[in-house]
Amino acid sequence: MDGQKHVRSALTGFLSGLGSIVRERANADDVMTPRFQPDLVLSDIAMPDKDGIELLREIGSLGPSEGGKVALIVITGLS
């Protein structure tokens, strides 16, 4: 299991254990779907297709009815 997948799985397990409904995505493009309406987005800064800041800017540019008013958290394993 690669490092990114391991961290995603660990976070998914932790948040699910707290009662959250978690939708895990491997890349930013999979997040931006027409049914995108989460309560929270937890994103890594270093993703394979685009960086997390770019993804969060895309989300923030959406209108409220499209998911643009969502809480955002950015994490990184970069040193």
Protein backbone atom coordinates (compact mmCIF):
# COMPACT_ATOMS: atom_id res chain seq x y z
CA MET A 1 0.00 0.00 0.00
CA ASP A 2 1.53 3.35 -0.98
CA GLY A 3 1.92 6.13 1.57
CA GLN A 4 -0.93 8.30 0.34
CA LYS A 5 -3.37 5.40 0.24
CA HIS A 6 -2.28 4.32 3.72
CA VAL A 7 -2.93 7.79 5.16
CA ARG A 8 -6.31 8.05 3.35
CA SER A 9 -7.34 4.66 4.72
CA ALA A 10 -6.24 5.55 8.25
CA LEU A 11 -8.11 8.86 8.20
CA THR A 12 -11.19 7.20 6.69
CA GLY A 13 -11.16 4.56 9.43
CA PHE A 14 -10.69 7.14 12.17
CA LEU A 15 -13.43 9.48 10.96
CA SER A 16 -15.81 6.60 10.23
CA GLY A 17 -15.20 5.32 13.75
CA LEU A 18 -16.41 8.68 15.05
CA GLY A 19 -19.66 8.25 13.12
CA SER A 20 -18.82 10.30 10.04
CA ILE A 21 -19.89 9.27 6.56
CA VAL A 22 -16.64 9.40 4.59
CA ARG A 23 -16.13 9.41 0.84
CA GLU A 24 -12.48 8.75 0.05
CA ARG A 25 -11.07 10.00 -3.25
CA ALA A 26 -7.63 9.35 -4.71
CA ASN A 27 -7.44 12.53 -6.77
CA ALA A 28 -8.90 16.01 -6.97
CA ASP A 29 -10.88 15.50 -10.17
CA ASP A 30 -12.92 12.73 -8.51
CA VAL A 31 -14.04 15.22 -5.84
CA MET A 32 -15.63 17.68 -8.24
CA THR A 33 -18.82 15.90 -9.22
CA PRO A 34 -22.30 17.33 -9.75
CA ARG A 35 -23.44 15.81 -6.45
CA PHE A 36 -20.62 17.37 -4.45
CA GLN A 37 -22.31 18.45 -1.18
CA PRO A 38 -20.09 17.42 1.77
CA ASP A 39 -20.07 19.09 5.18
CA LEU A 40 -16.25 19.02 5.27
CA VAL A 41 -13.39 18.54 2.81
CA LEU A 42 -10.08 17.23 4.17
CA SER A 43 -7.44 17.56 1.45
CA ASP A 44 -3.74 16.88 1.11
CA ILE A 45 -1.69 19.66 -0.43
CA ALA A 46 0.35 17.20 -2.52
CA MET A 47 -1.93 15.20 -4.80
CA PRO A 48 -0.98 13.42 -8.03
CA ASP A 49 -3.07 15.49 -10.47
CA LYS A 50 -3.30 18.95 -8.88
CA ASP A 51 -2.36 20.44 -5.56
CA GLY A 52 -4.80 20.75 -2.69
CA ILE A 53 -4.75 24.55 -2.76
CA GLU A 54 -5.96 24.50 -6.38
CA LEU A 55 -8.74 22.07 -5.41
CA LEU A 56 -9.82 24.26 -2.49
CA ARG A 57 -9.89 27.33 -4.74
CA GLU A 58 -12.17 25.44 -7.15
CA ILE A 59 -14.48 24.46 -4.29
CA GLY A 60 -14.47 28.00 -2.90
CA SER A 61 -15.48 29.42 -6.28
CA LEU A 62 -18.69 27.36 -6.29
CA GLY A 63 -21.95 28.94 -5.24
CA PRO A 64 -23.54 27.91 -1.92
CA SER A 65 -26.05 25.60 -3.62
CA GLU A 66 -23.19 23.91 -5.50
CA GLY A 67 -21.10 23.14 -2.39
CA GLY A 68 -18.99 26.30 -2.19
CA LYS A 69 -19.75 27.00 1.46
CA VAL A 70 -18.10 23.92 2.91
CA ALA A 71 -15.56 23.69 5.74
CA LEU A 72 -12.08 23.00 4.36
CA ILE A 73 -9.07 21.42 6.06
CA VAL A 74 -5.68 21.07 4.35
CA ILE A 75 -3.05 18.61 5.54
CA THR A 76 0.35 17.59 4.28
CA GLY A 77 3.01 15.01 4.88
CA LEU A 78 5.60 17.14 3.10
CA SER A 79 8.59 18.26 5.09
